[in-house]
Amino acid sequence: MTDAAEKIQYDDFARVQLQVARVLEAAPHPNADKLLVLRIDLGDEQRQICAGIRGHYEPAALVGRHIVVVANLAPRMMRGQESNGMLLAASNADHTRILLVSPDAGAEAGWSVS
């Protein structure tokens, strides 16, 4: 954490709902070079999210993979496609390497992450 980063209280963090999701479909965003459009399963519902991981992951390699998402993020339009959540990823300082945050084997769609 840098000195400039604002510290938050536990209650702020507790409001973020992190869940395991399974990727059902993945495709390049039709209007954005850096985005993929994913259809995900959260156990009790399916959603669409957009993620800036194009160029780092082949869409077909994501299908069936479990990822961690922010499930209670307000919907947002991203270049004409609605995104209903955000996946978690780690990256190096210049964002030339992006790695998805994934649960261990055995986790199921819809499980809470804490």
PDB file of N, CA and C in Angstrom:
ATOM      1  N   MET A   1       0.853  -1.172   0.000  1.00  0.00           N
ATOM      2  CA  MET A   1       0.000   0.000   0.000  1.00  0.00           C
ATOM      3  C   MET A   1       0.892   1.226   0.000  1.00  0.00           C
ATOM      4  N   THR A   2       0.550   2.175  -0.820  1.00  0.00           N
ATOM      5  CA  THR A   2       1.317   3.417  -0.864  1.00  0.00           C
ATOM      6  C   THR A   2       0.852   4.359   0.238  1.00  0.00           C
ATOM      7  N   ASP A   3       1.678   5.323   0.568  1.00  0.00           N
ATOM      8  CA  ASP A   3       1.314   6.311   1.589  1.00  0.00           C
ATOM      9  C   ASP A   3       0.071   7.096   1.188  1.00  0.00           C
ATOM     10  N   ALA A   4      -0.143   7.272  -0.119  1.00  0.00           N
ATOM     11  CA  ALA A   4      -1.270   8.071  -0.600  1.00  0.00           C
ATOM     12  C   ALA A   4      -2.598   7.321  -0.528  1.00  0.00           C
ATOM     13  N   ALA A   5      -2.556   5.986  -0.365  1.00  0.00           N
ATOM     14  CA  ALA A   5      -3.787   5.207  -0.334  1.00  0.00           C
ATOM     15  C   ALA A   5      -4.571   5.508   0.943  1.00  0.00           C
ATOM     16  N   GLU A   6      -5.851   5.740   0.781  1.00  0.00           N
ATOM     17  CA  GLU A   6      -6.709   6.042   1.913  1.00  0.00           C
ATOM     18  C   GLU A   6      -7.056   4.755   2.651  1.00  0.00           C
ATOM     19  N   LYS A   7      -6.924   4.752   3.959  1.00  0.00           N
ATOM     20  CA  LYS A   7      -7.313   3.597   4.763  1.00  0.00           C
ATOM     21  C   LYS A   7      -8.814   3.626   4.953  1.00  0.00           C
ATOM     22  N   ILE A   8      -9.422   2.450   4.882  1.00  0.00           N
ATOM     23  CA  ILE A   8     -10.862   2.346   5.089  1.00  0.00           C
ATOM     24  C   ILE A   8     -11.119   1.619   6.402  1.00  0.00           C
ATOM     25  N   GLN A   9     -12.314   1.763   6.891  1.00  0.00           N
ATOM     26  CA  GLN A   9     -12.728   1.066   8.105  1.00  0.00           C
ATOM     27  C   GLN A   9     -13.239  -0.326   7.725  1.00  0.00           C
ATOM     28  N   TYR A  10     -13.263  -1.232   8.707  1.00  0.00           N
ATOM     29  CA  TYR A  10     -13.744  -2.587   8.472  1.00  0.00           C
ATOM     30  C   TYR A  10     -15.164  -2.574   7.901  1.00  0.00           C
ATOM     31  N   ASP A  11     -16.020  -1.716   8.418  1.00  0.00           N
ATOM     32  CA  ASP A  11     -17.406  -1.663   7.939  1.00  0.00           C
ATOM     33  C   ASP A  11     -17.491  -1.339   6.455  1.00  0.00           C
ATOM     34  N   ASP A  12     -16.546  -0.530   5.938  1.00  0.00           N
ATOM     35  CA  ASP A  12     -16.510  -0.232   4.499  1.00  0.00           C
ATOM     36  C   ASP A  12     -16.227  -1.512   3.711  1.00  0.00           C
ATOM     37  N   PHE A  13     -15.225  -2.257   4.158  1.00  0.00           N
ATOM     38  CA  PHE A  13     -14.865  -3.505   3.476  1.00  0.00           C
ATOM     39  C   PHE A  13     -15.994  -4.529   3.580  1.00  0.00           C
ATOM     40  N   ALA A  14     -16.650  -4.604   4.721  1.00  0.00           N
ATOM     41  CA  ALA A  14     -17.700  -5.594   4.945  1.00  0.00           C
ATOM     42  C   ALA A  14     -18.885  -5.409   3.994  1.00  0.00           C
ATOM     43  N   ARG A  15     -19.033  -4.232   3.427  1.00  0.00           N
ATOM     44  CA  ARG A  15     -20.125  -3.973   2.480  1.00  0.00           C
ATOM     45  C   ARG A  15     -19.880  -4.638   1.122  1.00  0.00           C
ATOM     46  N   VAL A  16     -18.630  -4.983   0.813  1.00  0.00           N
ATOM     47  CA  VAL A  16     -18.286  -5.592  -0.474  1.00  0.00           C
ATOM     48  C   VAL A  16     -18.617  -7.083  -0.419  1.00  0.00           C
ATOM     49  N   GLN A  17     -19.477  -7.516  -1.334  1.00  0.00           N
ATOM     50  CA  GLN A  17     -19.890  -8.916  -1.388  1.00  0.00           C
ATOM     51  C   GLN A  17     -19.054  -9.637  -2.445  1.00  0.00           C
ATOM     52  N   LEU A  18     -18.085 -10.439  -1.989  1.00  0.00           N
ATOM     53  CA  LEU A  18     -17.239 -11.222  -2.885  1.00  0.00           C
ATOM     54  C   LEU A  18     -17.810 -12.634  -2.980  1.00  0.00           C
ATOM     55  N   GLN A  19     -17.926 -13.135  -4.221  1.00  0.00           N
ATOM     56  CA  GLN A  19     -18.473 -14.468  -4.432  1.00  0.00           C
ATOM     57  C   GLN A  19     -17.673 -15.212  -5.496  1.00  0.00           C
ATOM     58  N   VAL A  20     -17.706 -16.532  -5.384  1.00  0.00           N
ATOM     59  CA  VAL A  20     -17.148 -17.393  -6.419  1.00  0.00           C
ATOM     60  C   VAL A  20     -18.146 -17.457  -7.564  1.00  0.00           C
ATOM     61  N   ALA A  21     -17.654 -17.334  -8.781  1.00  0.00           N
ATOM     62  CA  ALA A  21     -18.488 -17.452  -9.988  1.00  0.00           C
ATOM     63  C   ALA A  21     -17.815 -18.413 -10.958  1.00  0.00           C
ATOM     64  N   ARG A  22     -18.623 -19.099 -11.744  1.00  0.00           N
ATOM     65  CA  ARG A  22     -18.095 -19.960 -12.810  1.00  0.00           C
ATOM     66  C   ARG A  22     -18.377 -19.288 -14.137  1.00  0.00           C
ATOM     67  N   VAL A  23     -17.369 -19.220 -14.984  1.00  0.00           N
ATOM     68  CA  VAL A  23     -17.522 -18.598 -16.300  1.00  0.00           C
ATOM     69  C   VAL A  23     -18.238 -19.586 -17.220  1.00  0.00           C
ATOM     70  N   LEU A  24     -19.373 -19.144 -17.753  1.00  0.00           N
ATOM     71  CA  LEU A  24     -20.164 -19.969 -18.677  1.00  0.00           C
ATOM     72  C   LEU A  24     -19.813 -19.687 -20.133  1.00  0.00           C
ATOM     73  N   GLU A  25     -19.593 -18.420 -20.449  1.00  0.00           N
ATOM     74  CA  GLU A  25     -19.255 -18.000 -21.813  1.00  0.00           C
ATOM     75  C   GLU A  25     -18.296 -16.820 -21.719  1.00  0.00           C
ATOM     76  N   ALA A  26     -17.458 -16.679 -22.731  1.00  0.00           N
ATOM     77  CA  ALA A  26     -16.552 -15.533 -22.813  1.00  0.00           C
ATOM     78  C   ALA A  26     -16.347 -15.189 -24.280  1.00  0.00           C
ATOM     79  N   ALA A  27     -16.371 -13.889 -24.577  1.00  0.00           N
ATOM     80  CA  ALA A  27     -16.209 -13.436 -25.962  1.00  0.00           C
ATOM     81  C   ALA A  27     -15.594 -12.038 -25.962  1.00  0.00           C
ATOM     82  N   PRO A  28     -14.912 -11.689 -27.040  1.00  0.00           N
ATOM     83  CA  PRO A  28     -14.398 -10.316 -27.149  1.00  0.00           C
ATOM     84  C   PRO A  28     -15.547  -9.311 -27.164  1.00  0.00           C
ATOM     85  N   HIS A  29     -15.352  -8.193 -26.512  1.00  0.00           N
ATOM     86  CA  HIS A  29     -16.338  -7.108 -26.530  1.00  0.00           C
ATOM     87  C   HIS A  29     -16.371  -6.552 -27.951  1.00  0.00           C
ATOM     88  N   PRO A  30     -17.559  -6.350 -28.533  1.00  0.00           N
ATOM     89  CA  PRO A  30     -17.618  -5.887 -29.919  1.00  0.00           C
ATOM     90  C   PRO A  30     -17.152  -4.446 -30.133  1.00  0.00           C
ATOM     91  N   ASN A  31     -17.080  -3.648 -29.055  1.00  0.00           N
ATOM     92  CA  ASN A  31     -16.733  -2.227 -29.210  1.00  0.00           C
ATOM     93  C   ASN A  31     -15.548  -1.781 -28.360  1.00  0.00           C
ATOM     94  N   ALA A  32     -14.739  -2.722 -27.869  1.00  0.00           N
ATOM     95  CA  ALA A  32     -13.616  -2.342 -27.017  1.00  0.00           C
ATOM     96  C   ALA A  32     -12.480  -3.346 -27.163  1.00  0.00           C
ATOM     97  N   ASP A  33     -11.305  -2.852 -27.479  1.00  0.00           N
ATOM     98  CA  ASP A  33     -10.148  -3.717 -27.720  1.00  0.00           C
ATOM     99  C   ASP A  33      -9.610  -4.404 -26.472  1.00  0.00           C
ATOM    100  N   LYS A  34      -9.851  -3.851 -25.284  1.00  0.00           N
ATOM    101  CA  LYS A  34      -9.270  -4.414 -24.064  1.00  0.00           C
ATOM    102  C   LYS A  34     -10.261  -5.206 -23.213  1.00  0.00           C
ATOM    103  N   LEU A  35     -11.525  -5.278 -23.645  1.00  0.00           N
ATOM    104  CA  LEU A  35     -12.548  -5.920 -22.825  1.00  0.00           C
ATOM    105  C   LEU A  35     -12.995  -7.270 -23.368  1.00  0.00           C
ATOM    106  N   LEU A  36     -13.303  -8.169 -22.420  1.00  0.00           N
ATOM    107  CA  LEU A  36     -14.020  -9.398 -22.730  1.00  0.00           C
ATOM    108  C   LEU A  36     -15.384  -9.316 -22.060  1.00  0.00           C
ATOM    109  N   VAL A  37     -16.384  -9.925 -22.683  1.00  0.00           N
ATOM    110  CA  VAL A  37     -17.720 -10.019 -22.105  1.00  0.00           C
ATOM    111  C   VAL A  37     -17.877 -11.451 -21.611  1.00  0.00           C
ATOM    112  N   LEU A  38     -18.167 -11.597 -20.309  1.00  0.00           N
ATOM    113  CA  LEU A  38     -18.308 -12.915 -19.698  1.00  0.00           C
ATOM    114  C   LEU A  38     -19.731 -13.107 -19.216  1.00  0.00           C
ATOM    115  N   ARG A  39     -20.261 -14.302 -19.416  1.00  0.00           N
ATOM    116  CA  ARG A  39     -21.516 -14.694 -18.766  1.00  0.00           C
ATOM    117  C   ARG A  39     -21.097 -15.613 -17.641  1.00  0.00           C
ATOM    118  N   ILE A  40     -21.518 -15.279 -16.414  1.00  0.00           N
ATOM    119  CA  ILE A  40     -21.071 -16.022 -15.242  1.00  0.00           C
ATOM    120  C   ILE A  40     -22.257 -16.612 -14.483  1.00  0.00           C
ATOM    121  N   ASP A  41     -21.977 -17.681 -13.747  1.00  0.00           N
ATOM    122  CA  ASP A  41     -22.950 -18.340 -12.887  1.00  0.00           C
ATOM    123  C   ASP A  41     -22.556 -18.052 -11.443  1.00  0.00           C
ATOM    124  N   LEU A  42     -23.479 -17.447 -10.687  1.00  0.00           N
ATOM    125  CA  LEU A  42     -23.254 -17.156  -9.270  1.00  0.00           C
ATOM    126  C   LEU A  42     -24.012 -18.131  -8.367  1.00  0.00           C
ATOM    127  N   GLY A  43     -24.349 -19.276  -8.888  1.00  0.00           N
ATOM    128  CA  GLY A  43     -25.059 -20.281  -8.102  1.00  0.00           C
ATOM    129  C   GLY A  43     -26.558 -20.163  -8.218  1.00  0.00           C
ATOM    130  N   ASP A  44     -27.104 -18.994  -7.871  1.00  0.00           N
ATOM    131  CA  ASP A  44     -28.548 -18.805  -7.933  1.00  0.00           C
ATOM    132  C   ASP A  44     -28.978 -17.875  -9.057  1.00  0.00           C
ATOM    133  N   GLU A  45     -28.013 -17.356  -9.797  1.00  0.00           N
ATOM    134  CA  GLU A  45     -28.339 -16.485 -10.936  1.00  0.00           C
ATOM    135  C   GLU A  45     -27.158 -16.417 -11.899  1.00  0.00           C
ATOM    136  N   GLN A  46     -27.479 -16.018 -13.122  1.00  0.00           N
ATOM    137  CA  GLN A  46     -26.450 -15.774 -14.129  1.00  0.00           C
ATOM    138  C   GLN A  46     -26.420 -14.296 -14.443  1.00  0.00           C
ATOM    139  N   ARG A  47     -25.217 -13.792 -14.746  1.00  0.00           N
ATOM    140  CA  ARG A  47     -25.044 -12.375 -15.058  1.00  0.00           C
ATOM    141  C   ARG A  47     -24.022 -12.210 -16.168  1.00  0.00           C
ATOM    142  N   GLN A  48     -24.002 -11.001 -16.700  1.00  0.00           N
ATOM    143  CA  GLN A  48     -22.967 -10.601 -17.651  1.00  0.00           C
ATOM    144  C   GLN A  48     -22.048  -9.593 -16.964  1.00  0.00           C
ATOM    145  N   ILE A  49     -20.741  -9.783 -17.135  1.00  0.00           N
ATOM    146  CA  ILE A  49     -19.777  -8.789 -16.676  1.00  0.00           C
ATOM    147  C   ILE A  49     -18.804  -8.508 -17.812  1.00  0.00           C
ATOM    148  N   CYS A  50     -18.229  -7.323 -17.803  1.00  0.00           N
ATOM    149  CA  CYS A  50     -17.179  -6.949 -18.747  1.00  0.00           C
ATOM    150  C   CYS A  50     -15.885  -6.820 -17.959  1.00  0.00           C
ATOM    151  N   ALA A  51     -14.796  -7.307 -18.540  1.00  0.00           N
ATOM    152  CA  ALA A  51     -13.523  -7.299 -17.831  1.00  0.00           C
ATOM    153  C   ALA A  51     -12.391  -6.900 -18.771  1.00  0.00           C
ATOM    154  N   GLY A  52     -11.487  -6.082 -18.286  1.00  0.00           N
ATOM    155  CA  GLY A  52     -10.362  -5.599 -19.081  1.00  0.00           C
ATOM    156  C   GLY A  52      -9.200  -6.573 -19.121  1.00  0.00           C
ATOM    157  N   ILE A  53      -9.477  -7.798 -19.560  1.00  0.00           N
ATOM    158  CA  ILE A  53      -8.448  -8.841 -19.591  1.00  0.00           C
ATOM    159  C   ILE A  53      -8.175  -9.369 -20.993  1.00  0.00           C
ATOM    160  N   ARG A  54      -8.775  -8.740 -21.990  1.00  0.00           N
ATOM    161  CA  ARG A  54      -8.536  -9.158 -23.377  1.00  0.00           C
ATOM    162  C   ARG A  54      -7.068  -8.938 -23.693  1.00  0.00           C
ATOM    163  N   GLY A  55      -6.451  -9.865 -24.345  1.00  0.00           N
ATOM    164  CA  GLY A  55      -5.015  -9.793 -24.604  1.00  0.00           C
ATOM    165  C   GLY A  55      -4.211 -10.537 -23.548  1.00  0.00           C
ATOM    166  N   HIS A  56      -4.859 -10.859 -22.427  1.00  0.00           N
ATOM    167  CA  HIS A  56      -4.200 -11.622 -21.367  1.00  0.00           C
ATOM    168  C   HIS A  56      -4.769 -13.033 -21.256  1.00  0.00           C
ATOM    169  N   TYR A  57      -6.014 -13.194 -21.691  1.00  0.00           N
ATOM    170  CA  TYR A  57      -6.679 -14.499 -21.640  1.00  0.00           C
ATOM    171  C   TYR A  57      -7.450 -14.732 -22.932  1.00  0.00           C
ATOM    172  N   GLU A  58      -7.364 -15.955 -23.432  1.00  0.00           N
ATOM    173  CA  GLU A  58      -8.186 -16.362 -24.564  1.00  0.00           C
ATOM    174  C   GLU A  58      -9.581 -16.678 -24.023  1.00  0.00           C
ATOM    175  N   PRO A  59     -10.618 -16.183 -24.672  1.00  0.00           N
ATOM    176  CA  PRO A  59     -11.975 -16.425 -24.162  1.00  0.00           C
ATOM    177  C   PRO A  59     -12.286 -17.901 -23.906  1.00  0.00           C
ATOM    178  N   ALA A  60     -11.925 -18.782 -24.813  1.00  0.00           N
ATOM    179  CA  ALA A  60     -12.244 -20.203 -24.657  1.00  0.00           C
ATOM    180  C   ALA A  60     -11.577 -20.804 -23.421  1.00  0.00           C
ATOM    181  N   ALA A  61     -10.418 -20.296 -23.034  1.00  0.00           N
ATOM    182  CA  ALA A  61      -9.702 -20.816 -21.865  1.00  0.00           C
ATOM    183  C   ALA A  61     -10.375 -20.425 -20.550  1.00  0.00           C
ATOM    184  N   LEU A  62     -11.261 -19.452 -20.580  1.00  0.00           N
ATOM    185  CA  LEU A  62     -11.947 -19.004 -19.374  1.00  0.00           C
ATOM    186  C   LEU A  62     -13.203 -19.812 -19.071  1.00  0.00           C
ATOM    187  N   VAL A  63     -13.798 -20.413 -20.091  1.00  0.00           N
ATOM    188  CA  VAL A  63     -15.050 -21.149 -19.920  1.00  0.00           C
ATOM    189  C   VAL A  63     -14.831 -22.325 -18.967  1.00  0.00           C
ATOM    190  N   GLY A  64     -15.678 -22.378 -17.927  1.00  0.00           N
ATOM    191  CA  GLY A  64     -15.586 -23.424 -16.918  1.00  0.00           C
ATOM    192  C   GLY A  64     -14.716 -23.054 -15.727  1.00  0.00           C
ATOM    193  N   ARG A  65     -13.966 -21.984 -15.838  1.00  0.00           N
ATOM    194  CA  ARG A  65     -13.066 -21.555 -14.776  1.00  0.00           C
ATOM    195  C   ARG A  65     -13.841 -20.851 -13.660  1.00  0.00           C
ATOM    196  N   HIS A  66     -13.395 -21.051 -12.429  1.00  0.00           N
ATOM    197  CA  HIS A  66     -13.959 -20.347 -11.284  1.00  0.00           C
ATOM    198  C   HIS A  66     -13.136 -19.096 -11.010  1.00  0.00           C
ATOM    199  N   ILE A  67     -13.830 -18.001 -10.777  1.00  0.00           N
ATOM    200  CA  ILE A  67     -13.192 -16.713 -10.502  1.00  0.00           C
ATOM    201  C   ILE A  67     -13.859 -16.104  -9.267  1.00  0.00           C
ATOM    202  N   VAL A  68     -13.302 -14.996  -8.786  1.00  0.00           N
ATOM    203  CA  VAL A  68     -13.899 -14.260  -7.677  1.00  0.00           C
ATOM    204  C   VAL A  68     -14.396 -12.934  -8.226  1.00  0.00           C
ATOM    205  N   VAL A  69     -15.639 -12.587  -7.878  1.00  0.00           N
ATOM    206  CA  VAL A  69     -16.242 -11.350  -8.370  1.00  0.00           C
ATOM    207  C   VAL A  69     -16.821 -10.517  -7.228  1.00  0.00           C
ATOM    208  N   VAL A  70     -16.889  -9.206  -7.464  1.00  0.00           N
ATOM    209  CA  VAL A  70     -17.641  -8.307  -6.587  1.00  0.00           C
ATOM    210  C   VAL A  70     -19.080  -8.404  -7.076  1.00  0.00           C
ATOM    211  N   ALA A  71     -19.926  -9.035  -6.273  1.00  0.00           N
ATOM    212  CA  ALA A  71     -21.290  -9.340  -6.718  1.00  0.00           C
ATOM    213  C   ALA A  71     -22.280  -8.206  -6.477  1.00  0.00           C
ATOM    214  N   ASN A  72     -21.966  -7.285  -5.582  1.00  0.00           N
ATOM    215  CA  ASN A  72     -22.934  -6.233  -5.271  1.00  0.00           C
ATOM    216  C   ASN A  72     -22.528  -4.868  -5.826  1.00  0.00           C
ATOM    217  N   LEU A  73     -21.738  -4.864  -6.872  1.00  0.00           N
ATOM    218  CA  LEU A  73     -21.374  -3.624  -7.550  1.00  0.00           C
ATOM    219  C   LEU A  73     -22.553  -3.177  -8.422  1.00  0.00           C
ATOM    220  N   ALA A  74     -22.858  -1.917  -8.394  1.00  0.00           N
ATOM    221  CA  ALA A  74     -23.958  -1.400  -9.210  1.00  0.00           C
ATOM    222  C   ALA A  74     -23.675  -1.654 -10.695  1.00  0.00           C
ATOM    223  N   PRO A  75     -24.706  -1.992 -11.479  1.00  0.00           N
ATOM    224  CA  PRO A  75     -24.516  -2.196 -12.923  1.00  0.00           C
ATOM    225  C   PRO A  75     -23.946  -0.946 -13.589  1.00  0.00           C
ATOM    226  N   ARG A  76     -23.184  -1.174 -14.664  1.00  0.00           N
ATOM    227  CA  ARG A  76     -22.538  -0.071 -15.382  1.00  0.00           C
ATOM    228  C   ARG A  76     -22.467  -0.426 -16.864  1.00  0.00           C
ATOM    229  N   MET A  77     -22.732   0.553 -17.704  1.00  0.00           N
ATOM    230  CA  MET A  77     -22.587   0.345 -19.148  1.00  0.00           C
ATOM    231  C   MET A  77     -21.124   0.545 -19.523  1.00  0.00           C
ATOM    232  N   MET A  78     -20.582  -0.423 -20.250  1.00  0.00           N
ATOM    233  CA  MET A  78     -19.195  -0.356 -20.688  1.00  0.00           C
ATOM    234  C   MET A  78     -19.159  -0.513 -22.211  1.00  0.00           C
ATOM    235  N   ARG A  79     -19.051   0.626 -22.889  1.00  0.00           N
ATOM    236  CA  ARG A  79     -19.007   0.642 -24.357  1.00  0.00           C
ATOM    237  C   ARG A  79     -20.183  -0.087 -24.976  1.00  0.00           C
ATOM    238  N   GLY A  80     -21.378   0.143 -24.414  1.00  0.00           N
ATOM    239  CA  GLY A  80     -22.598  -0.418 -24.975  1.00  0.00           C
ATOM    240  C   GLY A  80     -23.017  -1.760 -24.413  1.00  0.00           C
ATOM    241  N   GLN A  81     -22.252  -2.338 -23.516  1.00  0.00           N
ATOM    242  CA  GLN A  81     -22.610  -3.613 -22.886  1.00  0.00           C
ATOM    243  C   GLN A  81     -22.754  -3.391 -21.384  1.00  0.00           C
ATOM    244  N   GLU A  82     -23.812  -3.943 -20.784  1.00  0.00           N
ATOM    245  CA  GLU A  82     -23.997  -3.795 -19.350  1.00  0.00           C
ATOM    246  C   GLU A  82     -23.118  -4.786 -18.598  1.00  0.00           C
ATOM    247  N   SER A  83     -22.434  -4.292 -17.576  1.00  0.00           N
ATOM    248  CA  SER A  83     -21.610  -5.122 -16.704  1.00  0.00           C
ATOM    249  C   SER A  83     -22.255  -5.146 -15.326  1.00  0.00           C
ATOM    250  N   ASN A  84     -22.510  -6.339 -14.810  1.00  0.00           N
ATOM    251  CA  ASN A  84     -23.185  -6.519 -13.527  1.00  0.00           C
ATOM    252  C   ASN A  84     -22.268  -7.202 -12.522  1.00  0.00           C
ATOM    253  N   GLY A  85     -21.144  -6.576 -12.249  1.00  0.00           N
ATOM    254  CA  GLY A  85     -20.159  -7.106 -11.308  1.00  0.00           C
ATOM    255  C   GLY A  85     -18.764  -6.802 -11.813  1.00  0.00           C
ATOM    256  N   MET A  86     -17.778  -7.246 -11.046  1.00  0.00           N
ATOM    257  CA  MET A  86     -16.376  -7.020 -11.419  1.00  0.00           C
ATOM    258  C   MET A  86     -15.558  -8.217 -10.960  1.00  0.00           C
ATOM    259  N   LEU A  87     -14.736  -8.750 -11.849  1.00  0.00           N
ATOM    260  CA  LEU A  87     -13.868  -9.837 -11.422  1.00  0.00           C
ATOM    261  C   LEU A  87     -12.634  -9.268 -10.742  1.00  0.00           C
ATOM    262  N   LEU A  88     -12.006 -10.073  -9.893  1.00  0.00           N
ATOM    263  CA  LEU A  88     -10.788  -9.665  -9.209  1.00  0.00           C
ATOM    264  C   LEU A  88      -9.584 -10.235  -9.945  1.00  0.00           C
ATOM    265  N   ALA A  89      -8.573  -9.399 -10.088  1.00  0.00           N
ATOM    266  CA  ALA A  89      -7.342  -9.808 -10.751  1.00  0.00           C
ATOM    267  C   ALA A  89      -6.174  -9.084 -10.099  1.00  0.00           C
ATOM    268  N   ALA A  90      -5.003  -9.688 -10.214  1.00  0.00           N
ATOM    269  CA  ALA A  90      -3.763  -9.067  -9.749  1.00  0.00           C
ATOM    270  C   ALA A  90      -2.974  -8.647 -10.982  1.00  0.00           C
ATOM    271  N   SER A  91      -2.208  -7.562 -10.839  1.00  0.00           N
ATOM    272  CA  SER A  91      -1.383  -7.127 -11.973  1.00  0.00           C
ATOM    273  C   SER A  91      -0.084  -6.523 -11.455  1.00  0.00           C
ATOM    274  N   ASN A  92       0.904  -6.524 -12.333  1.00  0.00           N
ATOM    275  CA  ASN A  92       2.155  -5.851 -11.994  1.00  0.00           C
ATOM    276  C   ASN A  92       1.960  -4.344 -12.179  1.00  0.00           C
ATOM    277  N   ALA A  93       2.989  -3.567 -11.835  1.00  0.00           N
ATOM    278  CA  ALA A  93       2.868  -2.100 -11.799  1.00  0.00           C
ATOM    279  C   ALA A  93       2.452  -1.494 -13.135  1.00  0.00           C
ATOM    280  N   ASP A  94       2.944  -2.025 -14.231  1.00  0.00           N
ATOM    281  CA  ASP A  94       2.615  -1.429 -15.533  1.00  0.00           C
ATOM    282  C   ASP A  94       1.494  -2.182 -16.264  1.00  0.00           C
ATOM    283  N   HIS A  95       0.833  -3.092 -15.580  1.00  0.00           N
ATOM    284  CA  HIS A  95      -0.322  -3.846 -16.101  1.00  0.00           C
ATOM    285  C   HIS A  95      -0.001  -4.660 -17.355  1.00  0.00           C
ATOM    286  N   THR A  96       1.252  -5.077 -17.483  1.00  0.00           N
ATOM    287  CA  THR A  96       1.602  -5.949 -18.609  1.00  0.00           C
ATOM    288  C   THR A  96       1.309  -7.409 -18.293  1.00  0.00           C
ATOM    289  N   ARG A  97       1.136  -7.729 -17.023  1.00  0.00           N
ATOM    290  CA  ARG A  97       0.739  -9.080 -16.604  1.00  0.00           C
ATOM    291  C   ARG A  97      -0.484  -8.954 -15.722  1.00  0.00           C
ATOM    292  N   ILE A  98      -1.529  -9.673 -16.072  1.00  0.00           N
ATOM    293  CA  ILE A  98      -2.762  -9.702 -15.295  1.00  0.00           C
ATOM    294  C   ILE A  98      -3.098 -11.163 -15.015  1.00  0.00           C
ATOM    295  N   LEU A  99      -3.342 -11.474 -13.750  1.00  0.00           N
ATOM    296  CA  LEU A  99      -3.676 -12.832 -13.331  1.00  0.00           C
ATOM    297  C   LEU A  99      -4.982 -12.798 -12.551  1.00  0.00           C
ATOM    298  N   LEU A 100      -5.892 -13.683 -12.908  1.00  0.00           N
ATOM    299  CA  LEU A 100      -7.194 -13.733 -12.246  1.00  0.00           C
ATOM    300  C   LEU A 100      -7.060 -14.307 -10.845  1.00  0.00           C
ATOM    301  N   VAL A 101      -7.875 -13.787  -9.930  1.00  0.00           N
ATOM    302  CA  VAL A 101      -7.971 -14.342  -8.587  1.00  0.00           C
ATOM    303  C   VAL A 101      -8.958 -15.502  -8.669  1.00  0.00           C
ATOM    304  N   SER A 102      -8.503 -16.690  -8.275  1.00  0.00           N
ATOM    305  CA  SER A 102      -9.329 -17.894  -8.365  1.00  0.00           C
ATOM    306  C   SER A 102      -9.290 -18.651  -7.045  1.00  0.00           C
ATOM    307  N   PRO A 103     -10.411 -19.267  -6.667  1.00  0.00           N
ATOM    308  CA  PRO A 103     -10.416 -20.081  -5.448  1.00  0.00           C
ATOM    309  C   PRO A 103      -9.739 -21.425  -5.700  1.00  0.00           C
ATOM    310  N   ASP A 104      -9.403 -22.110  -4.623  1.00  0.00           N
ATOM    311  CA  ASP A 104      -8.865 -23.460  -4.746  1.00  0.00           C
ATOM    312  C   ASP A 104      -9.887 -24.390  -5.372  1.00  0.00           C
ATOM    313  N   ALA A 105      -9.411 -25.522  -5.879  1.00  0.00           N
ATOM    314  CA  ALA A 105     -10.297 -26.538  -6.443  1.00  0.00           C
ATOM    315  C   ALA A 105     -11.309 -26.963  -5.386  1.00  0.00           C
ATOM    316  N   GLY A 106     -12.532 -27.188  -5.808  1.00  0.00           N
ATOM    317  CA  GLY A 106     -13.584 -27.604  -4.899  1.00  0.00           C
ATOM    318  C   GLY A 106     -14.573 -26.506  -4.561  1.00  0.00           C
ATOM    319  N   ALA A 107     -14.189 -25.254  -4.790  1.00  0.00           N
ATOM    320  CA  ALA A 107     -15.111 -24.148  -4.541  1.00  0.00           C
ATOM    321  C   ALA A 107     -16.237 -24.211  -5.570  1.00  0.00           C
ATOM    322  N   GLU A 108     -17.410 -23.771  -5.165  1.00  0.00           N
ATOM    323  CA  GLU A 108     -18.572 -23.828  -6.050  1.00  0.00           C
ATOM    324  C   GLU A 108     -19.130 -22.427  -6.286  1.00  0.00           C
ATOM    325  N   ALA A 109     -19.758 -22.259  -7.439  1.00  0.00           N
ATOM    326  CA  ALA A 109     -20.382 -20.981  -7.786  1.00  0.00           C
ATOM    327  C   ALA A 109     -21.369 -20.579  -6.701  1.00  0.00           C
ATOM    328  N   GLY A 110     -21.281 -19.325  -6.297  1.00  0.00           N
ATOM    329  CA  GLY A 110     -22.174 -18.779  -5.286  1.00  0.00           C
ATOM    330  C   GLY A 110     -21.579 -18.732  -3.894  1.00  0.00           C
ATOM    331  N   TRP A 111     -20.480 -19.451  -3.667  1.00  0.00           N
ATOM    332  CA  TRP A 111     -19.872 -19.412  -2.345  1.00  0.00           C
ATOM    333  C   TRP A 111     -19.374 -18.003  -2.040  1.00  0.00           C
ATOM    334  N   SER A 112     -19.466 -17.613  -0.782  1.00  0.00           N
ATOM    335  CA  SER A 112     -18.968 -16.325  -0.332  1.00  0.00           C
ATOM    336  C   SER A 112     -17.452 -16.386  -0.151  1.00  0.00           C
ATOM    337  N   VAL A 113     -16.813 -15.261  -0.391  1.00  0.00           N
ATOM    338  CA  VAL A 113     -15.375 -15.125  -0.172  1.00  0.00           C
ATOM    339  C   VAL A 113     -15.196 -14.101   0.929  1.00  0.00           C
ATOM    340  N   SER A 114     -14.411 -14.447   1.934  1.00  0.00           N
ATOM    341  CA  SER A 114     -14.198 -13.518   3.043  1.00  0.00           C
ATOM    342  C   SER A 114     -12.743 -13.532   3.459  1.00  0.00           C
TER     343      SER A 114
END
